[in-house]
Amino acid sequence: MKFRLYFAVLMSCVLSFLMSGWITFINIGLADNFLTAWMAAWCLAWPAAAFIAFLFGPSVQKLAHYLVNKS
């Protein structure tokens, strides 16, 4: 359980950081307020991503194992 929690928090941090930066760039480009907008988006995205990663992580892992073993 401890590993699952740490993994969900760390993976969601990295993914939400990169994805929020990419989406912010797509939406506003390299505007003067890019960094501020990016950090605001990341602060909202990270908790949601962590919850989703923790909740759905085991199911996705099982699906991945199934797909790997199927082929």
PDB file of N, CA and C in Angstrom:
ATOM      1  N   MET A   1       0.827  -1.199   0.000  1.00  0.00           N
ATOM      2  CA  MET A   1       0.000   0.000   0.000  1.00  0.00           C
ATOM      3  C   MET A   1       0.870   1.260   0.000  1.00  0.00           C
ATOM      4  N   LYS A   2       1.969   1.215   0.749  1.00  0.00           N
ATOM      5  CA  LYS A   2       2.858   2.375   0.817  1.00  0.00           C
ATOM      6  C   LYS A   2       3.473   2.658  -0.556  1.00  0.00           C
ATOM      7  N   PHE A   3       3.914   1.604  -1.247  1.00  0.00           N
ATOM      8  CA  PHE A   3       4.473   1.765  -2.587  1.00  0.00           C
ATOM      9  C   PHE A   3       3.434   2.343  -3.530  1.00  0.00           C
ATOM     10  N   ARG A   4       2.211   1.827  -3.470  1.00  0.00           N
ATOM     11  CA  ARG A   4       1.132   2.301  -4.341  1.00  0.00           C
ATOM     12  C   ARG A   4       0.863   3.787  -4.136  1.00  0.00           C
ATOM     13  N   LEU A   5       0.868   4.233  -2.897  1.00  0.00           N
ATOM     14  CA  LEU A   5       0.639   5.641  -2.595  1.00  0.00           C
ATOM     15  C   LEU A   5       1.784   6.513  -3.106  1.00  0.00           C
ATOM     16  N   TYR A   6       3.017   6.122  -2.818  1.00  0.00           N
ATOM     17  CA  TYR A   6       4.171   6.889  -3.300  1.00  0.00           C
ATOM     18  C   TYR A   6       4.216   6.934  -4.826  1.00  0.00           C
ATOM     19  N   PHE A   7       3.969   5.801  -5.445  1.00  0.00           N
ATOM     20  CA  PHE A   7       3.989   5.752  -6.906  1.00  0.00           C
ATOM     21  C   PHE A   7       2.920   6.673  -7.490  1.00  0.00           C
ATOM     22  N   ALA A   8       1.713   6.633  -6.952  1.00  0.00           N
ATOM     23  CA  ALA A   8       0.624   7.472  -7.452  1.00  0.00           C
ATOM     24  C   ALA A   8       0.957   8.952  -7.301  1.00  0.00           C
ATOM     25  N   VAL A   9       1.507   9.329  -6.165  1.00  0.00           N
ATOM     26  CA  VAL A   9       1.849  10.736  -5.929  1.00  0.00           C
ATOM     27  C   VAL A   9       2.969  11.199  -6.868  1.00  0.00           C
ATOM     28  N   LEU A  10       4.018  10.401  -6.985  1.00  0.00           N
ATOM     29  CA  LEU A  10       5.153  10.801  -7.827  1.00  0.00           C
ATOM     30  C   LEU A  10       4.803  10.786  -9.313  1.00  0.00           C
ATOM     31  N   MET A  11       4.139   9.737  -9.762  1.00  0.00           N
ATOM     32  CA  MET A  11       3.783   9.650 -11.177  1.00  0.00           C
ATOM     33  C   MET A  11       2.795  10.747 -11.553  1.00  0.00           C
ATOM     34  N   SER A  12       1.823  11.006 -10.701  1.00  0.00           N
ATOM     35  CA  SER A  12       0.854  12.052 -10.992  1.00  0.00           C
ATOM     36  C   SER A  12       1.499  13.430 -10.982  1.00  0.00           C
ATOM     37  N   CYS A  13       2.504  13.613 -10.133  1.00  0.00           N
ATOM     38  CA  CYS A  13       3.231  14.886 -10.104  1.00  0.00           C
ATOM     39  C   CYS A  13       3.910  15.151 -11.439  1.00  0.00           C
ATOM     40  N   VAL A  14       4.637  14.154 -11.919  1.00  0.00           N
ATOM     41  CA  VAL A  14       5.366  14.311 -13.179  1.00  0.00           C
ATOM     42  C   VAL A  14       4.396  14.497 -14.347  1.00  0.00           C
ATOM     43  N   LEU A  15       3.399  13.623 -14.440  1.00  0.00           N
ATOM     44  CA  LEU A  15       2.460  13.703 -15.555  1.00  0.00           C
ATOM     45  C   LEU A  15       1.648  14.997 -15.549  1.00  0.00           C
ATOM     46  N   SER A  16       1.133  15.375 -14.394  1.00  0.00           N
ATOM     47  CA  SER A  16       0.332  16.600 -14.346  1.00  0.00           C
ATOM     48  C   SER A  16       1.185  17.836 -14.609  1.00  0.00           C
ATOM     49  N   PHE A  17       2.437  17.816 -14.157  1.00  0.00           N
ATOM     50  CA  PHE A  17       3.345  18.942 -14.411  1.00  0.00           C
ATOM     51  C   PHE A  17       3.578  19.116 -15.912  1.00  0.00           C
ATOM     52  N   LEU A  18       3.927  18.014 -16.579  1.00  0.00           N
ATOM     53  CA  LEU A  18       4.210  18.089 -18.017  1.00  0.00           C
ATOM     54  C   LEU A  18       2.958  18.358 -18.847  1.00  0.00           C
ATOM     55  N   MET A  19       1.867  17.685 -18.529  1.00  0.00           N
ATOM     56  CA  MET A  19       0.633  17.867 -19.303  1.00  0.00           C
ATOM     57  C   MET A  19       0.038  19.258 -19.108  1.00  0.00           C
ATOM     58  N   SER A  20       0.061  19.767 -17.891  1.00  0.00           N
ATOM     59  CA  SER A  20      -0.483  21.108 -17.668  1.00  0.00           C
ATOM     60  C   SER A  20       0.367  22.154 -18.382  1.00  0.00           C
ATOM     61  N   GLY A  21       1.685  21.931 -18.428  1.00  0.00           N
ATOM     62  CA  GLY A  21       2.553  22.837 -19.187  1.00  0.00           C
ATOM     63  C   GLY A  21       2.247  22.802 -20.664  1.00  0.00           C
ATOM     64  N   TRP A  22       2.064  21.608 -21.204  1.00  0.00           N
ATOM     65  CA  TRP A  22       1.760  21.463 -22.630  1.00  0.00           C
ATOM     66  C   TRP A  22       0.413  22.098 -22.985  1.00  0.00           C
ATOM     67  N   ILE A  23      -0.603  21.828 -22.204  1.00  0.00           N
ATOM     68  CA  ILE A  23      -1.931  22.374 -22.478  1.00  0.00           C
ATOM     69  C   ILE A  23      -1.944  23.894 -22.291  1.00  0.00           C
ATOM     70  N   THR A  24      -1.235  24.386 -21.297  1.00  0.00           N
ATOM     71  CA  THR A  24      -1.138  25.830 -21.109  1.00  0.00           C
ATOM     72  C   THR A  24      -0.460  26.470 -22.313  1.00  0.00           C
ATOM     73  N   PHE A  25       0.590  25.845 -22.804  1.00  0.00           N
ATOM     74  CA  PHE A  25       1.275  26.350 -23.994  1.00  0.00           C
ATOM     75  C   PHE A  25       0.343  26.352 -25.206  1.00  0.00           C
ATOM     76  N   ILE A  26      -0.407  25.289 -25.386  1.00  0.00           N
ATOM     77  CA  ILE A  26      -1.354  25.227 -26.499  1.00  0.00           C
ATOM     78  C   ILE A  26      -2.405  26.331 -26.379  1.00  0.00           C
ATOM     79  N   ASN A  27      -2.876  26.578 -25.171  1.00  0.00           N
ATOM     80  CA  ASN A  27      -3.941  27.556 -24.963  1.00  0.00           C
ATOM     81  C   ASN A  27      -3.478  29.005 -25.069  1.00  0.00           C
ATOM     82  N   ILE A  28      -2.315  29.336 -24.505  1.00  0.00           N
ATOM     83  CA  ILE A  28      -1.919  30.752 -24.474  1.00  0.00           C
ATOM     84  C   ILE A  28      -0.571  31.033 -25.120  1.00  0.00           C
ATOM     85  N   GLY A  29       0.154  29.985 -25.519  1.00  0.00           N
ATOM     86  CA  GLY A  29       1.482  30.199 -26.094  1.00  0.00           C
ATOM     87  C   GLY A  29       2.453  30.672 -25.026  1.00  0.00           C
ATOM     88  N   LEU A  30       3.576  31.222 -25.477  1.00  0.00           N
ATOM     89  CA  LEU A  30       4.572  31.718 -24.519  1.00  0.00           C
ATOM     90  C   LEU A  30       4.273  33.166 -24.138  1.00  0.00           C
ATOM     91  N   ALA A  31       3.112  33.372 -23.563  1.00  0.00           N
ATOM     92  CA  ALA A  31       2.684  34.701 -23.141  1.00  0.00           C
ATOM     93  C   ALA A  31       3.466  35.123 -21.899  1.00  0.00           C
ATOM     94  N   ASP A  32       3.326  36.398 -21.549  1.00  0.00           N
ATOM     95  CA  ASP A  32       4.025  36.930 -20.376  1.00  0.00           C
ATOM     96  C   ASP A  32       3.632  36.193 -19.091  1.00  0.00           C
ATOM     97  N   ASN A  33       2.399  35.740 -19.025  1.00  0.00           N
ATOM     98  CA  ASN A  33       1.913  35.071 -17.818  1.00  0.00           C
ATOM     99  C   ASN A  33       1.950  33.546 -17.941  1.00  0.00           C
ATOM    100  N   PHE A  34       2.753  33.025 -18.867  1.00  0.00           N
ATOM    101  CA  PHE A  34       2.782  31.585 -19.095  1.00  0.00           C
ATOM    102  C   PHE A  34       3.123  30.808 -17.830  1.00  0.00           C
ATOM    103  N   LEU A  35       4.186  31.180 -17.162  1.00  0.00           N
ATOM    104  CA  LEU A  35       4.615  30.428 -15.977  1.00  0.00           C
ATOM    105  C   LEU A  35       3.565  30.475 -14.867  1.00  0.00           C
ATOM    106  N   THR A  36       2.965  31.629 -14.671  1.00  0.00           N
ATOM    107  CA  THR A  36       1.926  31.763 -13.647  1.00  0.00           C
ATOM    108  C   THR A  36       0.711  30.913 -13.996  1.00  0.00           C
ATOM    109  N   ALA A  37       0.294  30.964 -15.254  1.00  0.00           N
ATOM    110  CA  ALA A  37      -0.851  30.163 -15.693  1.00  0.00           C
ATOM    111  C   ALA A  37      -0.548  28.670 -15.592  1.00  0.00           C
ATOM    112  N   TRP A  38       0.679  28.295 -15.956  1.00  0.00           N
ATOM    113  CA  TRP A  38       1.079  26.885 -15.889  1.00  0.00           C
ATOM    114  C   TRP A  38       1.036  26.386 -14.457  1.00  0.00           C
ATOM    115  N   MET A  39       1.614  27.136 -13.532  1.00  0.00           N
ATOM    116  CA  MET A  39       1.649  26.713 -12.138  1.00  0.00           C
ATOM    117  C   MET A  39       0.245  26.664 -11.531  1.00  0.00           C
ATOM    118  N   ALA A  40      -0.623  27.590 -11.936  1.00  0.00           N
ATOM    119  CA  ALA A  40      -2.011  27.564 -11.455  1.00  0.00           C
ATOM    120  C   ALA A  40      -2.719  26.313 -11.966  1.00  0.00           C
ATOM    121  N   ALA A  41      -2.506  25.975 -13.230  1.00  0.00           N
ATOM    122  CA  ALA A  41      -3.109  24.769 -13.796  1.00  0.00           C
ATOM    123  C   ALA A  41      -2.555  23.520 -13.118  1.00  0.00           C
ATOM    124  N   TRP A  42      -1.254  23.509 -12.867  1.00  0.00           N
ATOM    125  CA  TRP A  42      -0.636  22.344 -12.232  1.00  0.00           C
ATOM    126  C   TRP A  42      -1.156  22.141 -10.811  1.00  0.00           C
ATOM    127  N   CYS A  43      -1.323  23.220 -10.070  1.00  0.00           N
ATOM    128  CA  CYS A  43      -1.832  23.122  -8.697  1.00  0.00           C
ATOM    129  C   CYS A  43      -3.241  22.527  -8.653  1.00  0.00           C
ATOM    130  N   LEU A  44      -4.015  22.770  -9.688  1.00  0.00           N
ATOM    131  CA  LEU A  44      -5.351  22.175  -9.762  1.00  0.00           C
ATOM    132  C   LEU A  44      -5.306  20.744 -10.288  1.00  0.00           C
ATOM    133  N   ALA A  45      -4.379  20.473 -11.200  1.00  0.00           N
ATOM    134  CA  ALA A  45      -4.323  19.160 -11.848  1.00  0.00           C
ATOM    135  C   ALA A  45      -3.700  18.083 -10.963  1.00  0.00           C
ATOM    136  N   TRP A  46      -2.692  18.441 -10.181  1.00  0.00           N
ATOM    137  CA  TRP A  46      -1.973  17.424  -9.428  1.00  0.00           C
ATOM    138  C   TRP A  46      -2.852  16.640  -8.447  1.00  0.00           C
ATOM    139  N   PRO A  47      -3.646  17.288  -7.607  1.00  0.00           N
ATOM    140  CA  PRO A  47      -4.478  16.495  -6.688  1.00  0.00           C
ATOM    141  C   PRO A  47      -5.450  15.568  -7.432  1.00  0.00           C
ATOM    142  N   ALA A  48      -6.029  16.063  -8.512  1.00  0.00           N
ATOM    143  CA  ALA A  48      -6.943  15.225  -9.290  1.00  0.00           C
ATOM    144  C   ALA A  48      -6.200  14.045  -9.896  1.00  0.00           C
ATOM    145  N   ALA A  49      -5.029  14.298 -10.450  1.00  0.00           N
ATOM    146  CA  ALA A  49      -4.235  13.234 -11.064  1.00  0.00           C
ATOM    147  C   ALA A  49      -3.793  12.211 -10.022  1.00  0.00           C
ATOM    148  N   ALA A  50      -3.432  12.658  -8.839  1.00  0.00           N
ATOM    149  CA  ALA A  50      -3.008  11.737  -7.783  1.00  0.00           C
ATOM    150  C   ALA A  50      -4.164  10.833  -7.359  1.00  0.00           C
ATOM    151  N   PHE A  51      -5.319  11.412  -7.197  1.00  0.00           N
ATOM    152  CA  PHE A  51      -6.505  10.630  -6.828  1.00  0.00           C
ATOM    153  C   PHE A  51      -6.830   9.600  -7.908  1.00  0.00           C
ATOM    154  N   ILE A  52      -6.807  10.034  -9.161  1.00  0.00           N
ATOM    155  CA  ILE A  52      -7.111   9.139 -10.280  1.00  0.00           C
ATOM    156  C   ILE A  52      -6.071   8.036 -10.386  1.00  0.00           C
ATOM    157  N   ALA A  53      -4.787   8.384 -10.245  1.00  0.00           N
ATOM    158  CA  ALA A  53      -3.715   7.379 -10.327  1.00  0.00           C
ATOM    159  C   ALA A  53      -3.844   6.357  -9.205  1.00  0.00           C
ATOM    160  N   PHE A  54      -4.162   6.818  -8.006  1.00  0.00           N
ATOM    161  CA  PHE A  54      -4.306   5.900  -6.879  1.00  0.00           C
ATOM    162  C   PHE A  54      -5.524   4.996  -7.060  1.00  0.00           C
ATOM    163  N   LEU A  55      -6.606   5.576  -7.554  1.00  0.00           N
ATOM    164  CA  LEU A  55      -7.850   4.835  -7.704  1.00  0.00           C
ATOM    165  C   LEU A  55      -7.789   3.819  -8.843  1.00  0.00           C
ATOM    166  N   PHE A  56      -7.281   4.245 -10.005  1.00  0.00           N
ATOM    167  CA  PHE A  56      -7.309   3.400 -11.193  1.00  0.00           C
ATOM    168  C   PHE A  56      -5.999   2.659 -11.468  1.00  0.00           C
ATOM    169  N   GLY A  57      -4.959   2.960 -10.735  1.00  0.00           N
ATOM    170  CA  GLY A  57      -3.661   2.333 -10.954  1.00  0.00           C
ATOM    171  C   GLY A  57      -3.694   0.816 -10.975  1.00  0.00           C
ATOM    172  N   PRO A  58      -4.286   0.177  -9.972  1.00  0.00           N
ATOM    173  CA  PRO A  58      -4.306  -1.289  -9.962  1.00  0.00           C
ATOM    174  C   PRO A  58      -5.056  -1.886 -11.167  1.00  0.00           C
ATOM    175  N   SER A  59      -6.149  -1.279 -11.564  1.00  0.00           N
ATOM    176  CA  SER A  59      -6.913  -1.775 -12.715  1.00  0.00           C
ATOM    177  C   SER A  59      -6.118  -1.631 -14.004  1.00  0.00           C
ATOM    178  N   VAL A  60      -5.453  -0.512 -14.161  1.00  0.00           N
ATOM    179  CA  VAL A  60      -4.637  -0.296 -15.354  1.00  0.00           C
ATOM    180  C   VAL A  60      -3.459  -1.265 -15.365  1.00  0.00           C
ATOM    181  N   GLN A  61      -2.886  -1.503 -14.216  1.00  0.00           N
ATOM    182  CA  GLN A  61      -1.777  -2.457 -14.128  1.00  0.00           C
ATOM    183  C   GLN A  61      -2.239  -3.869 -14.503  1.00  0.00           C
ATOM    184  N   LYS A  62      -3.398  -4.273 -14.043  1.00  0.00           N
ATOM    185  CA  LYS A  62      -3.941  -5.583 -14.408  1.00  0.00           C
ATOM    186  C   LYS A  62      -4.204  -5.668 -15.912  1.00  0.00           C
ATOM    187  N   LEU A  63      -4.750  -4.599 -16.478  1.00  0.00           N
ATOM    188  CA  LEU A  63      -5.006  -4.567 -17.916  1.00  0.00           C
ATOM    189  C   LEU A  63      -3.703  -4.671 -18.697  1.00  0.00           C
ATOM    190  N   ALA A  64      -2.684  -3.972 -18.259  1.00  0.00           N
ATOM    191  CA  ALA A  64      -1.384  -4.036 -18.926  1.00  0.00           C
ATOM    192  C   ALA A  64      -0.804  -5.443 -18.864  1.00  0.00           C
ATOM    193  N   HIS A  65      -0.904  -6.074 -17.702  1.00  0.00           N
ATOM    194  CA  HIS A  65      -0.427  -7.465 -17.571  1.00  0.00           C
ATOM    195  C   HIS A  65      -1.197  -8.387 -18.516  1.00  0.00           C
ATOM    196  N   TYR A  66      -2.497  -8.192 -18.592  1.00  0.00           N
ATOM    197  CA  TYR A  66      -3.333  -9.008 -19.476  1.00  0.00           C
ATOM    198  C   TYR A  66      -2.897  -8.822 -20.938  1.00  0.00           C
ATOM    199  N   LEU A  67      -2.708  -7.583 -21.356  1.00  0.00           N
ATOM    200  CA  LEU A  67      -2.337  -7.311 -22.748  1.00  0.00           C
ATOM    201  C   LEU A  67      -0.952  -7.862 -23.084  1.00  0.00           C
ATOM    202  N   VAL A  68      -0.026  -7.771 -22.151  1.00  0.00           N
ATOM    203  CA  VAL A  68       1.325  -8.299 -22.386  1.00  0.00           C
ATOM    204  C   VAL A  68       1.296  -9.821 -22.471  1.00  0.00           C
ATOM    205  N   ASN A  69       0.563 -10.456 -21.593  1.00  0.00           N
ATOM    206  CA  ASN A  69       0.520 -11.916 -21.571  1.00  0.00           C
ATOM    207  C   ASN A  69      -0.323 -12.506 -22.697  1.00  0.00           C
ATOM    208  N   LYS A  70      -1.234 -11.706 -23.254  1.00  0.00           N
ATOM    209  CA  LYS A  70      -2.099 -12.159 -24.341  1.00  0.00           C
ATOM    210  C   LYS A  70      -1.318 -12.347 -25.637  1.00  0.00           C
ATOM    211  N   SER A  71      -0.328 -11.497 -25.865  1.00  0.00           N
ATOM    212  CA  SER A  71       0.395 -11.551 -27.145  1.00  0.00           C
ATOM    213  C   SER A  71       1.589 -12.454 -27.134  1.00  0.00           C
TER     214      SER A  71
END
